[in-house]
C-alpha atoms as a PDB file:
ATOM      1  CA  MET A   1      22.949-113.806  35.124  1.00  0.00           C
ATOM      2  CA  LYS A   2      21.142-113.767  38.466  1.00  0.00           C
ATOM      3  CA  LYS A   3      24.445-114.413  40.256  1.00  0.00           C
ATOM      4  CA  ILE A   4      26.033-111.423  38.530  1.00  0.00           C
ATOM      5  CA  ILE A   5      23.116-109.162  39.515  1.00  0.00           C
ATOM      6  CA  ILE A   6      23.308-110.358  43.124  1.00  0.00           C
ATOM      7  CA  LEU A   7      27.086-109.811  43.172  1.00  0.00           C
ATOM      8  CA  VAL A   8      26.757-106.279  41.757  1.00  0.00           C
ATOM      9  CA  GLY A   9      24.030-105.502  44.313  1.00  0.00           C
ATOM     10  CA  PHE A  10      26.231-106.800  47.114  1.00  0.00           C
ATOM     11  CA  ILE A  11      29.212-104.691  45.995  1.00  0.00           C
ATOM     12  CA  THR A  12      26.953-101.612  45.666  1.00  0.00           C
ATOM     13  CA  SER A  13      25.604-102.252  49.151  1.00  0.00           C
ATOM     14  CA  LEU A  14      29.122-102.428  50.570  1.00  0.00           C
ATOM     15  CA  THR A  15      30.045 -99.186  48.815  1.00  0.00           C
ATOM     16  CA  SER A  16      26.962 -97.425  50.188  1.00  0.00           C
ATOM     17  CA  CYS A  17      27.724 -98.634  53.704  1.00  0.00           C
ATOM     18  CA  ALA A  18      31.306 -97.403  53.373  1.00  0.00           C
ATOM     19  CA  GLU A  19      30.087 -93.988  52.209  1.00  0.00           C
ATOM     20  CA  LEU A  20      27.626 -93.753  55.071  1.00  0.00           C
ATOM     21  CA  LYS A  21      30.319 -94.657  57.574  1.00  0.00           C
ATOM     22  CA  ASP A  22      32.606 -92.039  56.040  1.00  0.00           C
ATOM     23  CA  ILE A  23      29.883 -89.382  56.317  1.00  0.00           C
ATOM     24  CA  ALA A  24      29.110 -90.394  59.892  1.00  0.00           C
ATOM     25  CA  GLY A  25      32.784 -90.196  60.745  1.00  0.00           C
ATOM     26  CA  GLN A  26      32.917 -86.604  59.567  1.00  0.00           C
ATOM     27  CA  LEU A  27      30.023 -85.521  61.825  1.00  0.00           C
ATOM     28  CA  PRO A  28      30.685 -84.184  65.330  1.00  0.00           C
ATOM     29  CA  GLN A  29      30.616 -87.030  67.853  1.00  0.00           C
ATOM     30  CA  ASP A  30      27.621 -85.703  69.781  1.00  0.00           C
ATOM     31  CA  SER A  31      25.549 -85.262  66.611  1.00  0.00           C
ATOM     32  CA  GLN A  32      25.268 -89.052  66.432  1.00  0.00           C
ATOM     33  CA  LYS A  33      23.824 -89.183  69.977  1.00  0.00           C
ATOM     34  CA  LEU A  34      21.401 -86.269  69.940  1.00  0.00           C
ATOM     35  CA  THR A  35      17.928 -86.767  68.514  1.00  0.00           C
ATOM     36  CA  GLN A  36      16.219 -84.219  66.309  1.00  0.00           C
ATOM     37  CA  GLN A  37      13.962 -83.383  69.218  1.00  0.00           C
ATOM     38  CA  GLN A  38      16.938 -82.729  71.507  1.00  0.00           C
ATOM     39  CA  ILE A  39      18.555 -80.428  68.964  1.00  0.00           C
ATOM     40  CA  GLY A  40      15.287 -78.515  68.587  1.00  0.00           C
ATOM     41  CA  ASN A  41      14.851 -78.312  72.351  1.00  0.00           C
ATOM     42  CA  GLY A  42      18.395 -77.019  72.740  1.00  0.00           C
ATOM     43  CA  LEU A  43      17.811 -74.202  70.282  1.00  0.00           C
ATOM     44  CA  ARG A  44      14.487 -73.351  71.927  1.00  0.00           C
ATOM     45  CA  GLU A  45      16.223 -73.231  75.298  1.00  0.00           C
ATOM     46  CA  ALA A  46      18.872 -70.870  73.928  1.00  0.00           C
ATOM     47  CA  LEU A  47      16.263 -68.554  72.435  1.00  0.00           C
ATOM     48  CA  ASN A  48      14.135 -68.575  75.577  1.00  0.00           C
ATOM     49  CA  LYS A  49      17.244 -67.789  77.615  1.00  0.00           C
ATOM     50  CA  GLY A  50      17.908 -64.735  75.455  1.00  0.00           C
ATOM     51  CA  ILE A  51      14.292 -63.611  75.668  1.00  0.00           C
ATOM     52  CA  GLU A  52      14.079 -64.062  79.439  1.00  0.00           C
ATOM     53  CA  LYS A  53      17.475 -62.574  80.257  1.00  0.00           C
ATOM     54  CA  GLU A  54      17.853 -59.726  77.782  1.00  0.00           C
ATOM     55  CA  VAL A  55      14.366 -58.642  76.700  1.00  0.00           C
ATOM     56  CA  SER A  56      13.193 -58.436  80.297  1.00  0.00           C
ATOM     57  CA  LYS A  57      15.919 -55.861  80.944  1.00  0.00           C
ATOM     58  CA  LEU A  58      14.406 -53.569  78.342  1.00  0.00           C
ATOM     59  CA  THR A  59      11.008 -53.536  80.060  1.00  0.00           C
ATOM     60  CA  GLN A  60      12.438 -52.027  83.222  1.00  0.00           C
ATOM     61  CA  THR A  61      12.591 -48.299  83.925  1.00  0.00           C
ATOM     62  CA  ASP A  62      15.648 -46.983  82.042  1.00  0.00           C
ATOM     63  CA  GLY A  63      15.921 -50.319  80.210  1.00  0.00           C
ATOM     64  CA  PHE A  64      16.359 -48.339  77.009  1.00  0.00           C
ATOM     65  CA  TYR A  65      17.274 -44.927  78.375  1.00  0.00           C
ATOM     66  CA  ARG A  66      20.360 -46.075  80.331  1.00  0.00           C
ATOM     67  CA  ASN A  67      21.479 -48.718  77.826  1.00  0.00           C
ATOM     68  CA  GLU A  68      23.763 -47.048  75.283  1.00  0.00           C
ATOM     69  CA  ALA A  69      23.494 -50.047  72.929  1.00  0.00           C
ATOM     70  CA  VAL A  70      19.761 -49.459  72.359  1.00  0.00           C
ATOM     71  CA  LYS A  71      19.009 -45.969  73.697  1.00  0.00           C
ATOM     72  CA  ILE A  72      16.616 -44.139  71.396  1.00  0.00           C
ATOM     73  CA  MET A  73      17.908 -40.753  70.352  1.00  0.00           C
ATOM     74  CA  MET A  74      16.262 -38.046  68.294  1.00  0.00           C
ATOM     75  CA  PRO A  75      15.289 -39.148  64.784  1.00  0.00           C
ATOM     76  CA  LYS A  76      17.536 -37.732  62.081  1.00  0.00           C
ATOM     77  CA  GLU A  77      15.055 -35.043  61.060  1.00  0.00           C
ATOM     78  CA  LEU A  78      14.819 -33.894  64.687  1.00  0.00           C
ATOM     79  CA  GLN A  79      18.516 -33.780  65.476  1.00  0.00           C
ATOM     80  CA  LYS A  80      18.490 -30.201  64.249  1.00  0.00           C
ATOM     81  CA  VAL A  81      15.600 -29.608  66.674  1.00  0.00           C
ATOM     82  CA  GLU A  82      17.734 -30.852  69.551  1.00  0.00           C
ATOM     83  CA  SER A  83      20.681 -28.747  68.447  1.00  0.00           C
ATOM     84  CA  GLY A  84      18.488 -25.663  67.985  1.00  0.00           C
ATOM     85  CA  LEU A  85      16.869 -26.027  71.404  1.00  0.00           C
ATOM     86  CA  ARG A  86      20.184 -26.470  73.166  1.00  0.00           C
ATOM     87  CA  LYS A  87      21.556 -23.375  71.470  1.00  0.00           C
ATOM     88  CA  VAL A  88      18.731 -21.248  72.877  1.00  0.00           C
ATOM     89  CA  GLY A  89      18.985 -22.694  76.399  1.00  0.00           C
ATOM     90  CA  LEU A  90      16.259 -25.326  76.124  1.00  0.00           C
ATOM     91  CA  GLY A  91      18.488 -28.391  76.553  1.00  0.00           C
ATOM     92  CA  SER A  92      16.396 -29.718  79.445  1.00  0.00           C
ATOM     93  CA  LEU A  93      13.346 -29.780  77.192  1.00  0.00           C
ATOM     94  CA  ALA A  94      15.273 -31.806  74.618  1.00  0.00           C
ATOM     95  CA  ASP A  95      16.398 -34.225  77.350  1.00  0.00           C
ATOM     96  CA  GLU A  96      12.801 -34.723  78.472  1.00  0.00           C
ATOM     97  CA  GLY A  97      11.794 -35.439  74.893  1.00  0.00           C
ATOM     98  CA  ILE A  98      14.460 -38.130  74.537  1.00  0.00           C
ATOM     99  CA  LYS A  99      13.503 -39.706  77.860  1.00  0.00           C
ATOM    100  CA  ALA A 100       9.850 -39.826  76.786  1.00  0.00           C
ATOM    101  CA  LEU A 101      10.783 -41.750  73.613  1.00  0.00           C
ATOM    102  CA  ASN A 102      12.620 -44.352  75.668  1.00  0.00           C
ATOM    103  CA  ARG A 103       9.877 -44.674  78.283  1.00  0.00           C
ATOM    104  CA  ALA A 104       7.387 -45.481  75.522  1.00  0.00           C
ATOM    105  CA  ALA A 105       9.703 -48.186  74.147  1.00  0.00           C
ATOM    106  CA  GLU A 106      10.102 -49.718  77.615  1.00  0.00           C
ATOM    107  CA  ASP A 107       6.329 -49.954  77.899  1.00  0.00           C
ATOM    108  CA  ALA A 108       5.918 -51.514  74.466  1.00  0.00           C
ATOM    109  CA  VAL A 109       8.494 -54.270  74.886  1.00  0.00           C
ATOM    110  CA  LYS A 110       6.358 -55.819  77.633  1.00  0.00           C
ATOM    111  CA  GLU A 111       4.141 -57.052  74.790  1.00  0.00           C
ATOM    112  CA  ALA A 112       6.988 -58.941  73.117  1.00  0.00           C
ATOM    113  CA  THR A 113       7.528 -62.042  75.249  1.00  0.00           C
ATOM    114  CA  PRO A 114       4.297 -63.959  74.406  1.00  0.00           C
ATOM    115  CA  ILE A 115       4.905 -63.377  70.685  1.00  0.00           C
ATOM    116  CA  PHE A 116       8.486 -64.637  70.951  1.00  0.00           C
ATOM    117  CA  VAL A 117       7.451 -67.681  72.985  1.00  0.00           C
ATOM    118  CA  SER A 118       4.909 -68.611  70.320  1.00  0.00           C
ATOM    119  CA  ALA A 119       7.514 -68.303  67.545  1.00  0.00           C
ATOM    120  CA  VAL A 120       9.978 -70.456  69.477  1.00  0.00           C
ATOM    121  CA  LYS A 121       7.362 -73.178  69.975  1.00  0.00           C
ATOM    122  CA  GLU A 122       6.682 -73.260  66.238  1.00  0.00           C
ATOM    123  CA  MET A 123      10.325 -73.879  65.342  1.00  0.00           C
ATOM    124  CA  SER A 124      10.733 -76.950  63.142  1.00  0.00           C
ATOM    125  CA  PHE A 125      13.722 -79.302  63.121  1.00  0.00           C
ATOM    126  CA  THR A 126      14.805 -77.809  59.783  1.00  0.00           C
ATOM    127  CA  ASP A 127      14.680 -74.347  61.349  1.00  0.00           C
ATOM    128  CA  ALA A 128      16.708 -75.570  64.327  1.00  0.00           C
ATOM    129  CA  LYS A 129      19.339 -77.268  62.154  1.00  0.00           C
ATOM    130  CA  ASN A 130      19.767 -74.176  59.966  1.00  0.00           C
ATOM    131  CA  ILE A 131      20.008 -71.954  63.031  1.00  0.00           C
ATOM    132  CA  LEU A 132      22.547 -74.184  64.775  1.00  0.00           C
ATOM    133  CA  MET A 133      24.863 -74.332  61.787  1.00  0.00           C
ATOM    134  CA  GLY A 134      24.172 -70.747  60.697  1.00  0.00           C
ATOM    135  CA  SER A 135      25.766 -67.406  61.494  1.00  0.00           C
ATOM    136  CA  ASP A 136      26.343 -65.982  64.972  1.00  0.00           C
ATOM    137  CA  ARG A 137      22.913 -64.319  64.873  1.00  0.00           C
ATOM    138  CA  ALA A 138      20.982 -66.977  62.948  1.00  0.00           C
ATOM    139  CA  ALA A 139      18.540 -67.521  65.835  1.00  0.00           C
ATOM    140  CA  THR A 140      17.904 -63.787  66.080  1.00  0.00           C
ATOM    141  CA  SER A 141      17.301 -63.623  62.342  1.00  0.00           C
ATOM    142  CA  TYR A 142      14.773 -66.448  62.691  1.00  0.00           C
ATOM    143  CA  LEU A 143      12.856 -64.450  65.304  1.00  0.00           C
ATOM    144  CA  GLU A 144      13.030 -61.301  63.180  1.00  0.00           C
ATOM    145  CA  THR A 145      11.491 -63.144  60.235  1.00  0.00           C
ATOM    146  CA  LYS A 146       8.780 -64.775  62.325  1.00  0.00           C
ATOM    147  CA  THR A 147       7.780 -61.914  64.624  1.00  0.00           C
ATOM    148  CA  THR A 148       8.623 -58.445  63.253  1.00  0.00           C
ATOM    149  CA  SER A 149       5.264 -57.767  61.630  1.00  0.00           C
ATOM    150  CA  GLN A 150       3.281 -58.991  64.638  1.00  0.00           C
ATOM    151  CA  LEU A 151       5.512 -57.103  67.074  1.00  0.00           C
ATOM    152  CA  TYR A 152       5.141 -53.869  65.123  1.00  0.00           C
ATOM    153  CA  ASN A 153       1.353 -54.165  65.286  1.00  0.00           C
ATOM    154  CA  LYS A 154       1.551 -54.773  69.042  1.00  0.00           C
ATOM    155  CA  PHE A 155       4.145 -52.126  69.811  1.00  0.00           C
ATOM    156  CA  ASN A 156       2.661 -49.272  67.790  1.00  0.00           C
ATOM    157  CA  PRO A 157      -0.581 -48.681  69.759  1.00  0.00           C
ATOM    158  CA  VAL A 158       1.200 -49.277  73.070  1.00  0.00           C
ATOM    159  CA  ILE A 159       3.758 -46.605  72.214  1.00  0.00           C
ATOM    160  CA  GLN A 160       1.020 -44.224  71.152  1.00  0.00           C
ATOM    161  CA  ASN A 161      -0.809 -44.768  74.445  1.00  0.00           C
ATOM    162  CA  SER A 162       2.444 -44.551  76.387  1.00  0.00           C
ATOM    163  CA  PHE A 163       3.159 -41.151  74.885  1.00  0.00           C
ATOM    164  CA  LYS A 164      -0.132 -39.981  76.359  1.00  0.00           C
ATOM    165  CA  LYS A 165       0.413 -41.737  79.698  1.00  0.00           C
ATOM    166  CA  VAL A 166       3.825 -40.188  80.369  1.00  0.00           C
ATOM    167  CA  GLY A 167       2.858 -36.885  78.796  1.00  0.00           C
ATOM    168  CA  ALA A 168       5.217 -37.400  75.883  1.00  0.00           C
ATOM    169  CA  ASP A 169       2.647 -36.176  73.385  1.00  0.00           C
ATOM    170  CA  GLN A 170       2.511 -32.839  75.196  1.00  0.00           C
ATOM    171  CA  ILE A 171       6.284 -32.743  75.671  1.00  0.00           C
ATOM    172  CA  TRP A 172       6.898 -33.315  71.995  1.00  0.00           C
ATOM    173  CA  SER A 173       4.145 -30.981  70.892  1.00  0.00           C
ATOM    174  CA  ASN A 174       5.679 -28.271  73.042  1.00  0.00           C
ATOM    175  CA  LEU A 175       9.210 -29.146  71.954  1.00  0.00           C
ATOM    176  CA  ILE A 176       8.419 -29.074  68.233  1.00  0.00           C
ATOM    177  CA  SER A 177       6.230 -26.005  68.600  1.00  0.00           C
ATOM    178  CA  ARG A 178       9.029 -24.123  70.370  1.00  0.00           C
ATOM    179  CA  TYR A 179      11.534 -25.211  67.748  1.00  0.00           C
ATOM    180  CA  ASN A 180       9.281 -24.242  64.847  1.00  0.00           C
ATOM    181  CA  LYS A 181       9.079 -20.721  66.309  1.00  0.00           C
ATOM    182  CA  ILE A 182      12.847 -20.273  66.135  1.00  0.00           C
ATOM    183  CA  PRO A 183      13.505 -17.827  63.240  1.00  0.00           C
ATOM    184  CA  PHE A 184      14.844 -19.229  59.957  1.00  0.00           C
ATOM    185  CA  THR A 185      14.235 -22.887  60.857  1.00  0.00           C
ATOM    186  CA  GLU A 186      12.562 -25.443  58.604  1.00  0.00           C
ATOM    187  CA  LYS A 187       9.280 -26.650  60.127  1.00  0.00           C
ATOM    188  CA  VAL A 188       9.170 -30.315  61.240  1.00  0.00           C
ATOM    189  CA  ASN A 189       6.382 -32.718  62.225  1.00  0.00           C
ATOM    190  CA  PRO A 190       7.676 -36.330  62.156  1.00  0.00           C
ATOM    191  CA  ASP A 191       5.740 -39.532  62.921  1.00  0.00           C
ATOM    192  CA  LEU A 192       7.320 -40.278  66.275  1.00  0.00           C
ATOM    193  CA  THR A 193       5.147 -43.321  67.002  1.00  0.00           C
ATOM    194  CA  ASP A 194       6.426 -45.124  63.917  1.00  0.00           C
ATOM    195  CA  TYR A 195       9.994 -44.049  64.653  1.00  0.00           C
ATOM    196  CA  VAL A 196       9.967 -45.303  68.254  1.00  0.00           C
ATOM    197  CA  THR A 197       8.201 -48.527  67.244  1.00  0.00           C
ATOM    198  CA  ASN A 198      10.986 -49.373  64.807  1.00  0.00           C
ATOM    199  CA  ARG A 199      13.713 -48.346  67.211  1.00  0.00           C
ATOM    200  CA  ALA A 200      12.143 -50.482  69.944  1.00  0.00           C
ATOM    201  CA  LEU A 201      12.124 -53.469  67.585  1.00  0.00           C
ATOM    202  CA  ASN A 202      15.769 -52.877  66.742  1.00  0.00           C
ATOM    203  CA  GLY A 203      16.595 -52.737  70.441  1.00  0.00           C
ATOM    204  CA  VAL A 204      14.833 -56.003  71.202  1.00  0.00           C
ATOM    205  CA  PHE A 205      16.654 -57.901  68.462  1.00  0.00           C
ATOM    206  CA  GLU A 206      19.961 -56.265  69.384  1.00  0.00           C
ATOM    207  CA  MET A 207      19.694 -57.630  72.921  1.00  0.00           C
ATOM    208  CA  ILE A 208      18.637 -61.122  71.798  1.00  0.00           C
ATOM    209  CA  SER A 209      21.529 -61.147  69.341  1.00  0.00           C
ATOM    210  CA  LYS A 210      23.906 -60.203  72.149  1.00  0.00           C
ATOM    211  CA  GLU A 211      22.831 -63.224  74.199  1.00  0.00           C
ATOM    212  CA  GLU A 212      22.947 -65.556  71.185  1.00  0.00           C
ATOM    213  CA  ILE A 213      26.529 -64.550  70.410  1.00  0.00           C
ATOM    214  CA  GLN A 214      27.479 -65.168  74.029  1.00  0.00           C
ATOM    215  CA  ILE A 215      26.023 -68.684  73.984  1.00  0.00           C
ATOM    216  CA  ARG A 216      27.691 -69.519  70.678  1.00  0.00           C
ATOM    217  CA  ASN A 217      31.134 -68.247  71.634  1.00  0.00           C
ATOM    218  CA  ASN A 218      31.356 -68.527  75.405  1.00  0.00           C
ATOM    219  CA  LEU A 219      31.204 -71.994  76.941  1.00  0.00           C
ATOM    220  CA  SER A 220      30.356 -70.614  80.383  1.00  0.00           C
ATOM    221  CA  GLU A 221      27.091 -69.185  78.984  1.00  0.00           C
ATOM    222  CA  ARG A 222      25.804 -72.675  78.158  1.00  0.00           C
ATOM    223  CA  SER A 223      24.006 -73.135  81.429  1.00  0.00           C
ATOM    224  CA  SER A 224      22.597 -76.636  80.921  1.00  0.00           C
ATOM    225  CA  ASN A 225      23.901 -79.982  79.697  1.00  0.00           C
ATOM    226  CA  LEU A 226      21.589 -79.798  76.691  1.00  0.00           C
ATOM    227  CA  LEU A 227      22.946 -76.405  75.631  1.00  0.00           C
ATOM    228  CA  LYS A 228      26.495 -77.698  76.008  1.00  0.00           C
ATOM    229  CA  ARG A 229      25.834 -80.776  73.885  1.00  0.00           C
ATOM    230  CA  VAL A 230      23.853 -79.023  71.161  1.00  0.00           C
ATOM    231  CA  PHE A 231      26.281 -76.133  70.720  1.00  0.00           C
ATOM    232  CA  ALA A 232      29.253 -78.502  70.809  1.00  0.00           C
ATOM    233  CA  MET A 233      28.008 -79.565  67.369  1.00  0.00           C
ATOM    234  CA  GLN A 234      28.253 -75.964  66.222  1.00  0.00           C
ATOM    235  CA  ASP A 235      31.771 -75.660  67.664  1.00  0.00           C
ATOM    236  CA  LYS A 236      32.935 -78.547  65.496  1.00  0.00           C
ATOM    237  CA  LYS A 237      31.293 -77.452  62.243  1.00  0.00           C
ATOM    238  CA  SER A 238      34.427 -75.656  61.121  1.00  0.00           C
END
């Protein structure tokens, strides 16, 4: 009886080994050489690259205003304000209002980097693995989940103060006041701080997503050996 049990155990062991070898054979070659720590470090490097390269652009003068991908335009309820002002020869006032929105966003984004860096440091191996084998913007989605609430709370008061600093509060008060005096128009008074805060957040994640997609799909964007090795695993997943 003992011999039979030992024989069955031996056969089971051989089967398990064969299965493991089969599974290992299906994995990308480099996945067997990279440690969990290396995979995590590779994803952190990719995220930090996006933060450093793309988010920093948004903090510069005209970082939002001259970037058509993220430029903040009038909120929907104020588009009629813009149209109304331009019709009565006040287009320059509308342009100043739009520029003020973007200047406030450029100020606010300067608060983003430390929050992103903290989120990247906290990334677990499970997070890294899911990001690596996820969609083209899986890393961006990770940052959105981890940082949106904190970023909103940081951005909002900065934008409010920025409106005052660049005179946007007066510009918009004047702009809306002038519009509301136009006969037969519906009066408006939107929360511009909330609007610009959310648009600034969208712009930040749009730019990080742009860099992530480049790294995932363009070999020349993988600027280090670690990035090349880690994302080679992603290339072979399909």
